[in-house]
Amino acid sequence: MPKSFPGHELLPRSLLLSLTDVQQSGADWIVMADGPSHAACPGCGRASRSRHSAYTRTLRDLPALGATVSLRIRVARWRCAAPACAIRSFADRLPQIAEFRGRRTCRANVVARLIGYALGGRPGERLARRIGLPVSNDTLLRVVKRGAQPVSAEARVIGIDEWAKRKGHTYGTIVIDLERHTVIDVLDQHSTEAVEQWLVAHPDIQMICRDRNGRYAKAARTAAPAARQTTDRFHLVQNLRETIERELALHRAYLRVQVTPDGLPADPRPIPVLEPPVCPPVARERQLLRARRLAIQTENNRQLRQRDQHLFDTFKALQATGRPVAGIAQELGCNRRRLDKWAKQSQLPARQKKHPSPGSAETFREYLRQRWDAGYRNGRLLLDEVRARGYKGTYRRSARSCLPGGKATWTSNARRTP
């Protein structure tokens, strides 16, 4: 037989609380409970049953079926009867239920900390509100920082990586003890100086696991030259995956499987023999990285355009036979909305380019090119000009994105007078 739900299961597991009532306020729930009947003085430890006054303490608890749950506990202030104790009255402490002067239960703090670890500030705030545990983004970050364990003298292998306060805008640095799998420090800044100061304060570090971020590499070489630097497995696999994707994108046409009308694989087309690429040295690869990416992007766009043109011609041929668009979309495996747009056009439309966001470097590309061609090549003064016009980015991004020669040319000319 089904058993009734015991009311005390709504409370945190503790002998200090006793359930009195459960009420529903709109879509939320309110759980009422009484606190302990006595308490120990935090100064002398003597138990007291002399009640001074009583009040209600409201705590945010774990949600129930997506609804917010508030825990209202009637607690008391107590008198200490020990003559030698300096504390005359004290409030109830609720160990393992809530922190001193906390506004959430301990188990709610655990969930908030996990959300903060996984998502960060604003994304975590949106998820927490959706599941019925409203927590601000600042609170999530404070909970994550509070959960960081102080570094021990035995910490030897650490991992350093950035974490997003606001993704794409503001970043900090997180330090992890890889031997114990615990967070040992969270830095507000994402800079070389901050990491250098931390490493100088902890000279016992023997190994630093990091990504390919130049800030962390420079900080490790400067502040901990004896420590061994290594790359973590995640970034190694990520770099390998991105490299393979870029190379395979150049041969997309040869990787596509042709299918007959019966759904069987067609005879494969002859694949040309390609010469294996020669991996350049690291220094040369960095110099050619921008040109290489531009060439890959151009080739990808050309292949995508060729694929779309072939698909457009096939669709127009099938449409000329009088077949419905829904049947053609099912046969070609295309989106119905896309074919509906093509049905009204005689030529393949050009791909729509994404408009640059206001204040980005792309918005001021033409202006910077005109000033550059006119001979005005002082990088810092050009940066001041575009910032006065609304540019919100950095010096490096504007140089790389908008000027011929990139950051190196602009930096060399920035030291000269106009």
Protein backbone atom coordinates (compact mmCIF):
# COMPACT_ATOMS: atom_id res chain seq x y z
CA MET A 1 0.00 0.00 0.00
CA PRO A 2 1.23 3.53 -0.71
CA LYS A 3 2.57 5.29 2.33
CA SER A 4 1.80 8.90 3.23
CA PHE A 5 4.63 11.39 2.91
CA PRO A 6 6.07 12.14 6.37
CA GLY A 7 6.14 15.87 7.08
CA HIS A 8 9.50 15.83 8.82
CA GLU A 9 11.12 14.89 5.49
CA LEU A 10 10.60 18.51 4.42
CA LEU A 11 13.06 19.67 7.07
CA PRO A 12 16.86 19.36 6.99
CA ARG A 13 18.04 16.25 8.82
CA SER A 14 18.57 17.54 12.35
CA LEU A 15 17.25 16.82 15.84
CA LEU A 16 17.04 20.54 16.58
CA LEU A 17 13.90 21.16 14.50
CA SER A 18 10.33 19.99 14.86
CA LEU A 19 7.75 20.54 12.12
CA THR A 20 4.66 22.56 13.07
CA ASP A 21 2.89 23.46 9.82
CA VAL A 22 3.11 23.54 6.02
CA GLN A 23 1.34 26.32 4.10
CA GLN A 24 1.01 27.27 0.45
CA SER A 25 1.35 30.92 -0.55
CA GLY A 26 0.45 31.24 -4.20
CA ALA A 27 2.85 29.00 -6.10
CA ASP A 28 5.34 28.85 -3.20
CA TRP A 29 5.48 26.73 -0.07
CA ILE A 30 6.18 27.78 3.51
CA VAL A 31 7.43 25.19 6.01
CA MET A 32 7.18 26.21 9.67
CA ALA A 33 9.19 24.62 12.46
CA ASP A 34 10.25 25.21 16.06
CA GLY A 35 13.86 25.48 17.10
CA PRO A 36 15.64 23.77 20.00
CA SER A 37 14.34 24.00 23.57
CA HIS A 38 17.78 24.85 24.95
CA ALA A 39 21.12 26.06 23.66
CA ALA A 40 24.77 26.14 24.68
CA CYS A 41 26.50 29.45 25.30
CA PRO A 42 29.13 30.13 22.59
CA GLY A 43 31.39 31.69 25.20
CA CYS A 44 31.51 29.21 28.07
CA GLY A 45 29.63 26.26 26.58
CA ARG A 46 27.14 26.06 29.45
CA ALA A 47 23.63 24.90 28.48
CA SER A 48 20.86 27.41 29.06
CA ARG A 49 17.08 27.01 29.27
CA SER A 50 16.40 30.60 30.32
CA ARG A 51 14.64 32.16 27.34
CA HIS A 52 15.25 35.86 26.77
CA SER A 53 13.00 36.39 23.72
CA ALA A 54 11.86 34.67 20.54
CA TYR A 55 11.79 35.58 16.86
CA THR A 56 11.25 33.94 13.47
CA ARG A 57 14.18 33.22 11.17
CA THR A 58 13.38 32.75 7.47
CA LEU A 59 15.65 30.61 5.32
CA ARG A 60 15.51 29.70 1.64
CA ASP A 61 15.42 25.91 1.27
CA LEU A 62 15.57 23.46 -1.62
CA PRO A 63 12.70 23.81 -4.14
CA ALA A 64 9.85 21.31 -4.36
CA LEU A 65 8.55 20.44 -7.85
CA GLY A 66 9.92 23.71 -9.20
CA ALA A 67 8.25 25.82 -6.49
CA THR A 68 10.16 28.00 -4.05
CA VAL A 69 10.26 26.70 -0.46
CA SER A 70 10.84 28.98 2.53
CA LEU A 71 11.72 27.56 5.94
CA ARG A 72 10.46 29.63 8.88
CA ILE A 73 12.02 28.56 12.15
CA ARG A 74 10.96 30.00 15.49
CA VAL A 75 14.19 30.43 17.41
CA ALA A 76 15.04 32.17 20.66
CA ARG A 77 17.60 34.27 22.41
CA TRP A 78 18.92 32.77 25.64
CA ARG A 79 20.45 34.07 28.83
CA CYS A 80 23.76 32.75 30.08
CA ALA A 81 23.64 32.16 33.86
CA ALA A 82 27.41 31.71 34.31
CA PRO A 83 28.68 34.66 36.39
CA ALA A 84 32.17 34.52 34.92
CA CYS A 85 30.98 34.50 31.28
CA ALA A 86 31.21 37.76 29.37
CA ILE A 87 28.20 36.89 27.19
CA ARG A 88 24.91 37.78 28.85
CA SER A 89 22.55 36.74 26.01
CA PHE A 90 22.98 34.89 22.75
CA ALA A 91 20.91 33.71 19.79
CA ASP A 92 20.23 30.17 18.68
CA ARG A 93 22.84 28.58 16.45
CA LEU A 94 21.60 26.05 13.91
CA PRO A 95 24.60 23.85 13.07
CA GLN A 96 24.26 21.70 9.92
CA ILE A 97 21.05 23.59 9.11
CA ALA A 98 22.20 27.09 8.22
CA GLU A 99 25.28 29.22 8.61
CA PHE A 100 25.43 31.94 11.23
CA ARG A 101 23.42 34.87 9.85
CA GLY A 102 22.92 32.92 6.63
CA ARG A 103 19.82 33.33 4.48
CA ARG A 104 19.75 29.83 2.98
CA THR A 105 20.00 26.34 4.39
CA CYS A 106 23.25 24.44 4.10
CA ARG A 107 21.82 22.03 1.55
CA ALA A 108 20.58 24.94 -0.57
CA ASN A 109 24.09 26.41 -0.43
CA VAL A 110 25.48 23.12 -1.74
CA VAL A 111 23.21 23.29 -4.80
CA ALA A 112 24.07 26.97 -5.34
CA ARG A 113 27.79 26.16 -5.17
CA LEU A 114 27.44 23.38 -7.76
CA ILE A 115 25.51 25.68 -10.10
CA GLY A 116 28.16 28.36 -9.66
CA TYR A 117 30.95 25.90 -10.43
CA ALA A 118 29.21 24.62 -13.55
CA LEU A 119 27.74 27.78 -15.09
CA GLY A 120 29.18 30.83 -13.39
CA GLY A 121 27.28 34.03 -12.60
CA ARG A 122 24.43 35.07 -14.89
CA PRO A 123 23.77 31.68 -16.57
CA GLY A 124 23.68 30.10 -13.10
CA GLU A 125 21.30 32.79 -11.89
CA ARG A 126 18.86 32.05 -14.72
CA LEU A 127 18.97 28.29 -14.09
CA ALA A 128 18.56 28.68 -10.32
CA ARG A 129 15.53 30.92 -10.76
CA ARG A 130 14.01 28.43 -13.19
CA ILE A 131 14.29 25.47 -10.79
CA GLY A 132 12.85 27.45 -7.87
CA LEU A 133 16.01 28.54 -6.05
CA PRO A 134 16.36 32.28 -6.82
CA VAL A 135 19.99 33.31 -6.26
CA SER A 136 21.71 36.36 -7.70
CA ASN A 137 24.83 36.09 -9.85
CA ASP A 138 26.92 37.91 -7.24
CA THR A 139 25.79 35.45 -4.58
CA LEU A 140 26.77 32.50 -6.76
CA LEU A 141 30.26 33.93 -7.22
CA ARG A 142 30.59 34.55 -3.47
CA VAL A 143 29.53 30.97 -2.73
CA VAL A 144 32.14 29.66 -5.18
CA LYS A 145 34.86 31.80 -3.59
CA ARG A 146 33.80 30.78 -0.10
CA GLY A 147 34.04 27.13 -1.08
CA ALA A 148 37.68 27.49 -2.14
CA GLN A 149 39.94 25.65 0.25
CA PRO A 150 43.08 27.37 1.53
CA VAL A 151 46.17 26.04 -0.15
CA SER A 152 48.01 23.54 1.96
CA ALA A 153 51.75 23.17 2.31
CA GLU A 154 51.50 19.84 0.48
CA ALA A 155 50.01 21.30 -2.73
CA ARG A 156 52.53 20.53 -5.44
CA VAL A 157 50.58 19.97 -8.68
CA ILE A 158 48.12 22.71 -9.61
CA GLY A 159 45.93 23.54 -12.57
CA ILE A 160 45.37 27.12 -13.68
CA ASP A 161 42.58 28.19 -15.99
CA GLU A 162 40.28 31.14 -16.55
CA TRP A 163 36.68 31.31 -15.42
CA ALA A 164 34.01 33.64 -16.73
CA LYS A 165 32.37 36.23 -14.52
CA ARG A 166 30.58 37.42 -17.65
CA LYS A 167 31.24 35.23 -20.65
CA GLY A 168 33.03 37.07 -23.41
CA HIS A 169 33.70 40.15 -21.28
CA THR A 170 35.13 39.61 -17.79
CA TYR A 171 37.28 36.68 -16.65
CA GLY A 172 39.08 35.61 -13.50
CA THR A 173 41.54 32.85 -12.66
CA ILE A 174 40.86 29.61 -10.81
CA VAL A 175 43.58 27.48 -9.18
CA ILE A 176 42.94 23.77 -8.53
CA ASP A 177 44.90 21.18 -6.58
CA LEU A 178 45.01 18.36 -9.11
CA GLU A 179 46.13 15.75 -6.60
CA ARG A 180 43.14 16.35 -4.30
CA HIS A 181 40.72 17.60 -6.99
CA THR A 182 39.73 20.66 -4.98
CA VAL A 183 39.65 24.38 -5.69
CA ILE A 184 42.29 26.10 -3.61
CA ASP A 185 41.96 29.71 -4.78
CA VAL A 186 39.91 31.98 -7.03
CA LEU A 187 41.50 35.17 -8.36
CA ASP A 188 39.41 38.12 -9.47
CA GLN A 189 41.82 39.11 -12.22
CA HIS A 190 42.77 37.37 -15.45
CA SER A 191 46.25 38.83 -15.77
CA THR A 192 49.89 37.83 -15.67
CA GLU A 193 50.60 39.98 -12.62
CA ALA A 194 47.89 38.35 -10.50
CA VAL A 195 49.14 34.83 -11.28
CA GLU A 196 52.75 35.86 -10.66
CA GLN A 197 51.87 37.23 -7.22
CA TRP A 198 50.06 34.01 -6.35
CA LEU A 199 52.95 31.80 -7.47
CA VAL A 200 55.48 33.91 -5.57
CA ALA A 201 53.39 33.47 -2.41
CA HIS A 202 53.41 29.65 -2.92
CA PRO A 203 56.99 28.64 -3.83
CA ASP A 204 56.43 24.89 -3.24
CA ILE A 205 54.59 24.36 -6.54
CA GLN A 206 56.38 21.73 -8.63
CA MET A 207 54.09 21.31 -11.64
CA ILE A 208 51.66 23.70 -13.35
CA CYS A 209 49.00 22.34 -15.67
CA ARG A 210 47.60 25.04 -17.96
CA ASP A 211 46.18 25.71 -21.41
CA ARG A 212 48.00 27.55 -24.19
CA ASN A 213 47.24 30.95 -22.70
CA GLY A 214 50.30 33.15 -22.99
CA ARG A 215 49.53 34.99 -19.75
CA TYR A 216 49.83 31.87 -17.64
CA ALA A 217 52.94 30.68 -19.47
CA LYS A 218 54.70 33.99 -18.88
CA ALA A 219 53.65 34.07 -15.22
CA ALA A 220 54.94 30.52 -14.66
CA ARG A 221 58.28 31.26 -16.33
CA THR A 222 58.76 34.43 -14.29
CA ALA A 223 57.47 33.47 -10.84
CA ALA A 224 58.11 29.71 -10.81
CA PRO A 225 60.97 28.94 -13.23
CA ALA A 226 61.74 25.63 -11.51
CA ALA A 227 58.18 24.35 -11.87
CA ARG A 228 57.39 22.05 -14.77
CA GLN A 229 54.69 23.23 -17.15
CA THR A 230 52.34 20.87 -18.92
CA THR A 231 49.10 21.01 -20.90
CA ASP A 232 45.96 19.33 -19.64
CA ARG A 233 44.26 16.59 -21.63
CA PHE A 234 41.12 18.63 -22.35
CA HIS A 235 42.97 21.36 -24.25
CA LEU A 236 45.13 18.84 -26.08
CA VAL A 237 42.03 17.02 -27.36
CA GLN A 238 40.34 20.34 -28.13
CA ASN A 239 43.30 21.58 -30.18
CA LEU A 240 43.46 18.25 -32.03
CA ARG A 241 39.72 18.33 -32.77
CA GLU A 242 39.80 21.91 -34.08
CA THR A 243 42.79 21.15 -36.30
CA ILE A 244 41.13 18.06 -37.75
CA GLU A 245 37.90 19.96 -38.36
CA ARG A 246 39.71 22.74 -40.21
CA GLU A 247 41.58 20.30 -42.43
CA LEU A 248 38.55 18.10 -43.17
CA ALA A 249 36.49 21.16 -44.04
CA LEU A 250 38.75 21.72 -47.05
CA HIS A 251 37.76 18.27 -48.40
CA ARG A 252 34.06 18.37 -47.57
CA ALA A 253 33.04 17.43 -51.09
CA TYR A 254 34.98 14.16 -50.94
CA LEU A 255 33.61 13.16 -47.55
CA ARG A 256 29.94 13.38 -48.53
CA VAL A 257 28.26 10.01 -49.22
CA GLN A 258 26.18 9.90 -52.40
CA VAL A 259 22.87 8.03 -52.07
CA THR A 260 20.75 6.55 -54.85
CA PRO A 261 16.94 7.03 -54.95
CA ASP A 262 16.63 3.59 -53.36
CA GLY A 263 18.56 4.79 -50.31
CA LEU A 264 21.69 2.77 -51.10
CA PRO A 265 25.21 4.22 -51.23
CA ALA A 266 26.20 5.15 -54.76
CA ASP A 267 29.51 4.28 -56.34
CA PRO A 268 32.16 6.40 -54.69
CA ARG A 269 33.76 9.06 -56.85
CA PRO A 270 37.50 8.82 -57.40
CA ILE A 271 39.33 10.65 -54.66
CA PRO A 272 42.43 12.51 -55.79
CA VAL A 273 45.67 11.78 -54.04
CA LEU A 274 46.63 14.78 -51.94
CA GLU A 275 50.12 15.51 -50.81
CA PRO A 276 50.47 15.31 -47.03
CA PRO A 277 50.85 18.76 -45.47
CA VAL A 278 54.20 19.73 -44.07
CA CYS A 279 53.95 20.95 -40.49
CA PRO A 280 55.85 24.24 -40.22
CA PRO A 281 57.87 25.21 -37.17
CA VAL A 282 56.05 26.87 -34.31
CA ALA A 283 57.41 30.36 -35.03
CA ARG A 284 56.53 30.15 -38.73
CA GLU A 285 53.13 28.70 -37.90
CA ARG A 286 52.35 31.71 -35.74
CA GLN A 287 53.33 34.07 -38.54
CA LEU A 288 51.22 32.22 -41.11
CA LEU A 289 48.32 31.49 -38.76
CA ARG A 290 46.24 34.48 -39.81
CA ALA A 291 46.79 33.92 -43.54
CA ARG A 292 46.14 30.19 -43.09
CA ARG A 293 42.84 30.82 -41.33
CA LEU A 294 41.80 33.30 -44.02
CA ALA A 295 42.60 30.76 -46.75
CA ILE A 296 40.67 28.02 -44.98
CA GLN A 297 37.69 30.31 -44.45
CA THR A 298 37.71 31.36 -48.10
CA GLU A 299 37.85 27.75 -49.26
CA ASN A 300 35.06 26.75 -46.88
CA ASN A 301 32.85 29.57 -48.16
CA ARG A 302 33.53 28.52 -51.75
CA GLN A 303 32.63 24.90 -51.06
CA LEU A 304 29.49 25.85 -49.15
CA ARG A 305 28.41 28.10 -52.00
CA GLN A 306 29.03 25.31 -54.51
CA ARG A 307 27.02 22.87 -52.40
CA ASP A 308 24.13 25.31 -52.08
CA GLN A 309 24.15 25.97 -55.83
CA HIS A 310 23.96 22.24 -56.59
CA LEU A 311 21.13 21.83 -54.09
CA PHE A 312 19.31 24.84 -55.54
CA ASP A 313 19.54 23.51 -59.09
CA THR A 314 18.29 20.10 -57.98
CA PHE A 315 15.36 21.68 -56.17
CA LYS A 316 14.41 23.80 -59.17
CA ALA A 317 14.51 20.76 -61.44
CA LEU A 318 12.20 18.82 -59.11
CA GLN A 319 9.93 21.83 -58.69
CA ALA A 320 9.53 22.11 -62.45
CA THR A 321 7.98 18.62 -62.49
CA GLY A 322 5.12 19.89 -60.31
CA ARG A 323 6.01 18.02 -57.16
CA PRO A 324 5.02 19.61 -53.82
CA VAL A 325 7.67 21.35 -51.76
CA ALA A 326 7.03 19.09 -48.76
CA GLY A 327 7.87 15.97 -50.79
CA ILE A 328 10.98 17.58 -52.25
CA ALA A 329 12.17 18.62 -48.78
CA GLN A 330 11.74 15.07 -47.51
CA GLU A 331 13.61 13.62 -50.48
CA LEU A 332 16.50 16.08 -50.31
CA GLY A 333 16.65 16.11 -46.52
CA CYS A 334 16.41 19.93 -46.38
CA ASN A 335 14.56 22.36 -44.20
CA ARG A 336 11.06 23.11 -45.50
CA ARG A 337 11.35 26.84 -44.74
CA ARG A 338 14.52 27.09 -46.77
CA LEU A 339 12.91 25.52 -49.81
CA ASP A 340 9.85 27.74 -49.44
CA LYS A 341 12.12 30.76 -49.85
CA TRP A 342 13.90 29.22 -52.84
CA ALA A 343 10.58 28.47 -54.52
CA LYS A 344 9.96 32.22 -54.97
CA GLN A 345 13.41 32.97 -56.39
CA SER A 346 15.01 32.30 -59.75
CA GLN A 347 18.62 32.50 -58.58
CA LEU A 348 20.42 31.32 -55.48
CA PRO A 349 20.40 34.19 -52.98
CA ALA A 350 23.65 35.28 -51.38
CA ARG A 351 24.35 34.24 -47.82
CA GLN A 352 23.36 36.88 -45.31
CA LYS A 353 26.29 38.27 -43.41
CA LYS A 354 26.04 38.92 -39.71
CA HIS A 355 25.90 42.62 -38.95
CA PRO A 356 28.62 43.76 -36.55
CA SER A 357 27.45 44.69 -33.10
CA PRO A 358 27.58 48.39 -32.17
CA GLY A 359 30.90 49.36 -30.67
CA SER A 360 32.82 46.40 -32.15
CA ALA A 361 36.02 46.73 -34.16
CA GLU A 362 34.30 45.78 -37.41
CA THR A 363 32.09 48.89 -37.16
CA PHE A 364 35.14 51.15 -37.52
CA ARG A 365 37.01 49.15 -40.16
CA GLU A 366 36.41 51.59 -43.02
CA TYR A 367 37.25 54.62 -40.88
CA LEU A 368 40.54 53.11 -39.69
CA ARG A 369 41.49 52.02 -43.20
CA GLN A 370 40.89 55.54 -44.51
CA ARG A 371 43.01 57.09 -41.77
CA TRP A 372 45.70 54.47 -42.31
CA ASP A 373 45.83 55.02 -46.08
CA ALA A 374 46.00 58.77 -45.51
CA GLY A 375 49.28 58.27 -43.66
CA TYR A 376 47.99 58.71 -40.12
CA ARG A 377 49.61 55.68 -38.46
CA ASN A 378 49.93 56.39 -34.77
CA GLY A 379 48.13 53.43 -33.27
CA ARG A 380 47.38 54.88 -29.86
CA LEU A 381 45.95 58.09 -31.25
CA LEU A 382 43.83 56.13 -33.71
CA LEU A 383 42.53 54.09 -30.79
CA ASP A 384 41.58 57.31 -28.96
CA GLU A 385 39.72 58.50 -32.04
CA VAL A 386 37.58 55.38 -32.44
CA ARG A 387 36.91 55.25 -28.71
CA ALA A 388 35.57 58.78 -28.92
CA ARG A 389 33.26 57.51 -31.66
CA GLY A 390 31.95 54.66 -29.50
CA TYR A 391 34.50 51.83 -29.79
CA LYS A 392 34.35 49.59 -26.69
CA GLY A 393 37.06 47.02 -27.47
CA THR A 394 40.76 46.75 -26.78
CA TYR A 395 43.84 48.00 -28.57
CA ARG A 396 44.89 44.52 -29.69
CA ARG A 397 41.50 43.57 -31.16
CA SER A 398 41.17 46.75 -33.19
CA ALA A 399 44.71 46.36 -34.58
CA ARG A 400 44.26 42.71 -35.56
CA SER A 401 40.81 43.15 -37.05
CA CYS A 402 40.98 46.37 -39.02
CA LEU A 403 44.50 47.28 -40.13
CA PRO A 404 46.71 45.75 -42.84
CA GLY A 405 49.71 44.18 -41.17
CA GLY A 406 47.83 43.57 -37.95
CA LYS A 407 49.08 44.29 -34.48
CA ALA A 408 52.78 44.11 -35.32
CA THR A 409 52.64 46.98 -37.85
CA TRP A 410 50.43 49.11 -35.66
CA THR A 411 52.59 48.57 -32.58
CA SER A 412 55.76 49.58 -34.39
CA ASN A 413 54.12 52.76 -35.64
CA ALA A 414 52.49 53.53 -32.30
CA ARG A 415 55.87 54.52 -30.85
CA ARG A 416 56.36 57.18 -33.51
CA THR A 417 54.80 60.59 -33.60
CA PRO A 418 52.25 61.28 -36.37
